[in-house]
Amino acid sequence: MPDPRREDLGRLLRAWRMARNPGDLPGPVPSRGHRSYLTQLDMALLLGVSERWYRALERGEDRAYAPAMVAGVARLLGLTPAQTDALYRGAGLRPPPRSAHRAPPDEAMLDLMHRQRRVSWICDQAWDVVAANTVAARHCPWLMRPGANVMTWAFSSEARYQLREFETRWAGPLLGGLRLAWQRLPENERLAEVVRAVREEPGVAALWAAATDLAPLGAEPRPVYFPLVAPDPVDVRVTSYGRFDDTAYRWLVVTPVDPAVVFP
């Protein structure tokens, strides 16, 4: 017999989806058409699942939904903390820690990010990506994936395609920043999850033991491969910005060292 609570949550989820304007998303919606709402197919394509699987969630079907998928739904629809908790519980999952719920970045920060003609995104204290501009969507599509996290991506095998000379130029500063944040924010359960995930990646245990470079990423140029920009890797600086009275978010901008290099 269908669970009336799950069915009711499915109706709420449909209403939240229909109220979400595709223009509010940081990147392009993959399916065609000009609509003022997201379709079930839009959601499935953005989440990387089948339309049937996403439809099952809206129908309140009892399935083994992945936490990453549910987190992606909450992010794409811009759900409030209360709505996010309800969605997790309705999907048979434990809601994320309350400390992980934060107000979204302010409009001024978002506006500045979207105005950039460089790869630019905003992430929280656990390096979860909360917004990215269209240039980032074109040149670093991983930033647009539901549940994208800078650190878990950087230490994945996929990242070596873009982050060149990784072990000598990138790994030390990245691990240094991650370790310092982990020590500074012991109450951040999401950050602890990210640390565990990174340390489980092949080869990271040795890097973790050896890494002593705590210089910020923006201190010196580092090579990145952007196939739509140049046939060879280009040197960039990664600069972090934030509000002086708010450490919840960091706004990152990737700037080529050579001013003649532009992002199309």
Protein backbone atom coordinates (compact mmCIF):
# COMPACT_ATOMS: atom_id res chain seq x y z
CA MET A 1 0.00 0.00 0.00
CA PRO A 2 1.45 3.41 -0.94
CA ASP A 3 2.76 5.53 1.90
CA PRO A 4 0.51 8.64 2.08
CA ARG A 5 3.33 10.69 3.61
CA ARG A 6 5.67 9.89 0.71
CA GLU A 7 2.92 10.57 -1.81
CA ASP A 8 2.27 13.94 -0.22
CA LEU A 9 5.99 14.80 -0.30
CA GLY A 10 5.98 13.87 -3.98
CA ARG A 11 3.26 16.43 -4.60
CA LEU A 12 5.27 19.03 -2.71
CA LEU A 13 8.36 18.16 -4.72
CA ARG A 14 6.45 18.62 -7.96
CA ALA A 15 5.25 22.04 -6.78
CA TRP A 16 8.81 23.06 -5.86
CA ARG A 17 10.04 21.95 -9.29
CA MET A 18 7.30 23.80 -11.14
CA ALA A 19 8.12 26.95 -9.16
CA ARG A 20 11.82 26.81 -10.08
CA ASN A 21 12.71 29.10 -12.99
CA PRO A 22 15.42 27.55 -15.22
CA GLY A 23 16.90 31.02 -15.56
CA ASP A 24 17.81 30.94 -11.87
CA LEU A 25 20.19 28.01 -12.39
CA PRO A 26 23.90 28.86 -12.78
CA GLY A 27 24.26 26.90 -16.03
CA PRO A 28 22.23 25.97 -19.10
CA VAL A 29 19.33 23.52 -18.85
CA PRO A 30 20.16 20.60 -21.16
CA SER A 31 16.73 19.93 -22.69
CA ARG A 32 15.24 22.17 -25.34
CA GLY A 33 12.46 24.69 -25.03
CA HIS A 34 11.81 28.01 -23.37
CA ARG A 35 9.80 27.49 -20.21
CA SER A 36 9.39 29.22 -16.90
CA TYR A 37 9.73 25.94 -14.98
CA LEU A 38 11.85 22.79 -14.88
CA THR A 39 10.49 19.54 -16.31
CA GLN A 40 11.10 16.06 -14.94
CA LEU A 41 13.39 15.45 -17.91
CA ASP A 42 15.36 18.61 -17.05
CA MET A 43 15.86 17.35 -13.52
CA ALA A 44 16.89 13.87 -14.67
CA LEU A 45 19.45 15.23 -17.15
CA LEU A 46 20.90 17.68 -14.63
CA LEU A 47 21.11 14.94 -11.98
CA GLY A 48 22.57 12.34 -14.33
CA VAL A 49 19.78 9.81 -13.71
CA SER A 50 16.99 8.37 -15.85
CA GLU A 51 13.74 10.27 -16.14
CA ARG A 52 11.94 7.20 -14.78
CA TRP A 53 14.15 7.21 -11.65
CA TYR A 54 13.51 10.90 -10.95
CA ARG A 55 9.79 10.46 -11.65
CA ALA A 56 9.70 7.72 -9.02
CA LEU A 57 10.87 10.23 -6.42
CA GLU A 58 8.00 12.59 -7.27
CA ARG A 59 5.57 9.69 -7.13
CA GLY A 60 6.69 8.84 -3.62
CA GLU A 61 7.94 5.39 -4.60
CA ASP A 62 10.01 3.52 -2.01
CA ARG A 63 13.41 3.11 -3.69
CA ALA A 64 17.07 3.23 -2.65
CA TYR A 65 17.71 6.85 -3.62
CA ALA A 66 21.34 7.91 -3.46
CA PRO A 67 22.16 10.73 -1.01
CA ALA A 68 24.04 12.53 -3.81
CA MET A 69 20.90 12.53 -5.95
CA VAL A 70 18.74 13.93 -3.15
CA ALA A 71 21.37 16.57 -2.37
CA GLY A 72 21.37 17.47 -6.06
CA VAL A 73 17.59 17.87 -6.09
CA ALA A 74 17.74 20.19 -3.09
CA ARG A 75 20.50 22.24 -4.70
CA LEU A 76 18.86 22.51 -8.13
CA LEU A 77 15.52 23.54 -6.67
CA GLY A 78 17.04 25.95 -4.14
CA LEU A 79 15.20 24.30 -1.25
CA THR A 80 15.13 25.80 2.22
CA PRO A 81 16.63 23.85 5.15
CA ALA A 82 13.14 22.71 6.22
CA GLN A 83 12.27 21.58 2.70
CA THR A 84 15.62 19.81 2.38
CA ASP A 85 15.08 17.92 5.64
CA ALA A 86 11.61 16.85 4.49
CA LEU A 87 12.98 15.66 1.15
CA TYR A 88 15.73 13.58 2.78
CA ARG A 89 13.32 11.95 5.22
CA GLY A 90 10.77 11.32 2.49
CA ALA A 91 13.46 9.57 0.46
CA GLY A 92 14.29 7.36 3.44
CA LEU A 93 17.57 9.12 4.21
CA ARG A 94 19.03 10.92 7.18
CA PRO A 95 19.01 14.70 6.63
CA PRO A 96 22.41 16.42 6.44
CA PRO A 97 23.66 18.03 9.68
CA ARG A 98 21.97 21.31 10.47
CA SER A 99 25.37 23.01 10.46
CA ALA A 100 25.54 22.27 6.75
CA HIS A 101 22.46 24.44 6.11
CA ARG A 102 23.40 28.03 5.39
CA ALA A 103 21.71 31.01 3.88
CA PRO A 104 22.66 31.33 0.20
CA PRO A 105 25.37 33.80 -0.84
CA ASP A 106 24.15 37.38 -0.96
CA GLU A 107 23.01 38.89 -4.25
CA ALA A 108 26.04 41.17 -4.53
CA MET A 109 28.48 38.25 -4.43
CA LEU A 110 26.40 36.29 -6.95
CA ASP A 111 26.16 39.28 -9.27
CA LEU A 112 29.94 39.82 -9.21
CA MET A 113 30.54 36.13 -9.91
CA HIS A 114 28.20 36.07 -12.92
CA ARG A 115 29.77 39.22 -14.38
CA GLN A 116 33.20 37.60 -14.63
CA ARG A 117 34.60 36.62 -18.00
CA ARG A 118 36.75 34.07 -16.19
CA VAL A 119 36.04 30.72 -14.60
CA SER A 120 34.42 31.67 -11.31
CA TRP A 121 32.43 29.88 -8.63
CA ILE A 122 31.36 30.09 -4.98
CA CYS A 123 31.83 27.29 -2.46
CA ASP A 124 31.24 26.88 1.25
CA GLN A 125 33.59 25.95 4.08
CA ALA A 126 33.52 22.27 3.05
CA TRP A 127 34.30 23.21 -0.59
CA ASP A 128 30.82 22.22 -1.77
CA VAL A 129 30.03 24.30 -4.88
CA VAL A 130 26.92 26.43 -4.37
CA ALA A 131 27.05 28.55 -7.55
CA ALA A 132 29.12 28.92 -10.73
CA ASN A 133 29.05 31.24 -13.72
CA THR A 134 28.48 30.36 -17.37
CA VAL A 135 32.22 30.52 -18.16
CA ALA A 136 32.81 27.87 -15.50
CA ALA A 137 29.99 25.74 -16.94
CA ARG A 138 31.71 25.81 -20.35
CA HIS A 139 35.29 25.13 -19.29
CA CYS A 140 34.86 23.20 -16.03
CA PRO A 141 31.54 21.35 -16.45
CA TRP A 142 32.16 19.29 -13.31
CA LEU A 143 31.35 22.45 -11.30
CA MET A 144 27.74 22.18 -12.47
CA ARG A 145 27.14 18.63 -11.27
CA PRO A 146 24.79 18.21 -8.32
CA GLY A 147 26.86 17.76 -5.18
CA ALA A 148 30.05 19.08 -6.82
CA ASN A 149 32.89 19.48 -4.35
CA VAL A 150 36.21 21.11 -5.21
CA MET A 151 38.37 18.84 -3.09
CA THR A 152 36.81 15.49 -3.96
CA TRP A 153 37.01 16.41 -7.65
CA ALA A 154 40.60 17.68 -7.42
CA PHE A 155 41.84 14.36 -6.02
CA SER A 156 39.88 12.21 -8.45
CA SER A 157 41.46 10.61 -11.51
CA GLU A 158 39.30 12.81 -13.73
CA ALA A 159 40.94 15.99 -12.40
CA ARG A 160 44.35 15.08 -13.83
CA TYR A 161 42.97 15.96 -17.27
CA GLN A 162 42.83 19.63 -16.25
CA LEU A 163 45.20 20.05 -13.30
CA ARG A 164 48.59 19.45 -14.87
CA GLU A 165 51.72 18.61 -12.85
CA PHE A 166 49.28 17.75 -10.10
CA GLU A 167 51.53 16.08 -7.56
CA THR A 168 54.22 18.78 -7.69
CA ARG A 169 52.15 21.92 -8.28
CA TRP A 170 48.62 21.31 -6.97
CA ALA A 171 48.48 18.54 -4.36
CA GLY A 172 50.46 20.30 -1.62
CA PRO A 173 48.49 23.57 -1.48
CA LEU A 174 45.17 21.78 -1.89
CA LEU A 175 45.86 19.33 0.92
CA GLY A 176 47.31 22.10 3.07
CA GLY A 177 44.12 24.14 2.76
CA LEU A 178 41.97 21.11 3.42
CA ARG A 179 43.93 20.10 6.52
CA LEU A 180 43.92 23.58 8.01
CA ALA A 181 40.16 23.89 7.52
CA TRP A 182 39.66 20.44 9.08
CA GLN A 183 41.61 21.53 12.15
CA ARG A 184 39.86 24.91 12.39
CA LEU A 185 36.32 23.61 11.96
CA PRO A 186 36.00 20.38 13.97
CA GLU A 187 32.21 20.83 14.23
CA ASN A 188 31.70 20.85 10.45
CA GLU A 189 30.52 17.30 9.78
CA ARG A 190 30.31 17.83 6.03
CA LEU A 191 33.96 18.92 5.95
CA ALA A 192 34.90 15.76 7.86
CA GLU A 193 33.07 13.71 5.19
CA VAL A 194 35.06 15.47 2.46
CA VAL A 195 38.34 14.75 4.26
CA ARG A 196 37.45 11.07 4.57
CA ALA A 197 36.51 10.87 0.89
CA VAL A 198 39.74 12.56 -0.22
CA ARG A 199 41.93 10.36 1.98
CA GLU A 200 40.33 7.25 0.45
CA GLU A 201 41.44 8.23 -3.06
CA PRO A 202 44.38 6.18 -4.42
CA GLY A 203 47.75 7.68 -3.57
CA VAL A 204 46.40 10.38 -1.27
CA ALA A 205 47.63 8.75 1.94
CA ALA A 206 51.24 9.24 0.87
CA LEU A 207 50.55 12.78 -0.32
CA TRP A 208 48.82 13.58 2.97
CA ALA A 209 51.84 12.41 4.95
CA ALA A 210 54.30 14.34 2.79
CA ALA A 211 52.41 17.55 2.05
CA THR A 212 53.78 20.54 3.94
CA ASP A 213 53.09 23.30 1.38
CA LEU A 214 50.49 25.51 3.03
CA ALA A 215 50.85 28.42 0.58
CA PRO A 216 47.48 29.48 -0.87
CA LEU A 217 46.67 28.43 -4.41
CA GLY A 218 46.83 32.00 -5.65
CA ALA A 219 50.40 32.56 -4.48
CA GLU A 220 51.99 31.26 -7.69
CA PRO A 221 50.90 30.27 -11.21
CA ARG A 222 49.83 26.68 -11.79
CA PRO A 223 49.14 24.89 -15.10
CA VAL A 224 45.59 24.03 -16.17
CA TYR A 225 44.42 22.55 -19.47
CA PHE A 226 41.41 24.24 -21.08
CA PRO A 227 40.88 22.58 -24.50
CA LEU A 228 38.57 25.37 -25.67
CA VAL A 229 41.16 28.03 -24.80
CA ALA A 230 44.55 26.73 -25.99
CA PRO A 231 46.14 23.50 -27.27
CA ASP A 232 48.57 23.47 -24.34
CA PRO A 233 48.09 24.03 -20.60
CA VAL A 234 47.99 27.67 -19.50
CA ASP A 235 49.32 29.07 -16.23
CA VAL A 236 46.63 30.51 -13.98
CA ARG A 237 46.24 31.98 -10.53
CA VAL A 238 43.32 30.92 -8.36
CA THR A 239 42.24 33.83 -6.19
CA SER A 240 39.81 33.61 -3.30
CA TYR A 241 37.56 36.46 -2.19
CA GLY A 242 34.97 36.83 0.56
CA ARG A 243 33.00 39.26 2.68
CA PHE A 244 35.05 40.66 5.52
CA ASP A 245 32.34 39.76 8.04
CA ASP A 246 31.35 36.36 6.66
CA THR A 247 33.53 33.26 6.31
CA ALA A 248 30.70 30.93 5.28
CA TYR A 249 31.53 31.27 1.57
CA ARG A 250 34.57 31.82 -0.59
CA TRP A 251 34.38 33.19 -4.12
CA LEU A 252 37.10 31.82 -6.40
CA VAL A 253 38.29 33.27 -9.70
CA VAL A 254 40.68 31.58 -12.13
CA THR A 255 42.83 34.18 -13.95
CA PRO A 256 45.31 33.34 -16.74
CA VAL A 257 48.76 34.81 -16.09
CA ASP A 258 49.05 35.83 -19.74
CA PRO A 259 46.48 38.63 -20.34
CA ALA A 260 46.26 37.58 -23.99
CA VAL A 261 44.61 34.30 -22.93
CA VAL A 262 40.83 34.71 -22.80
CA PHE A 263 37.96 32.35 -22.06
CA PRO A 264 35.58 32.15 -25.05
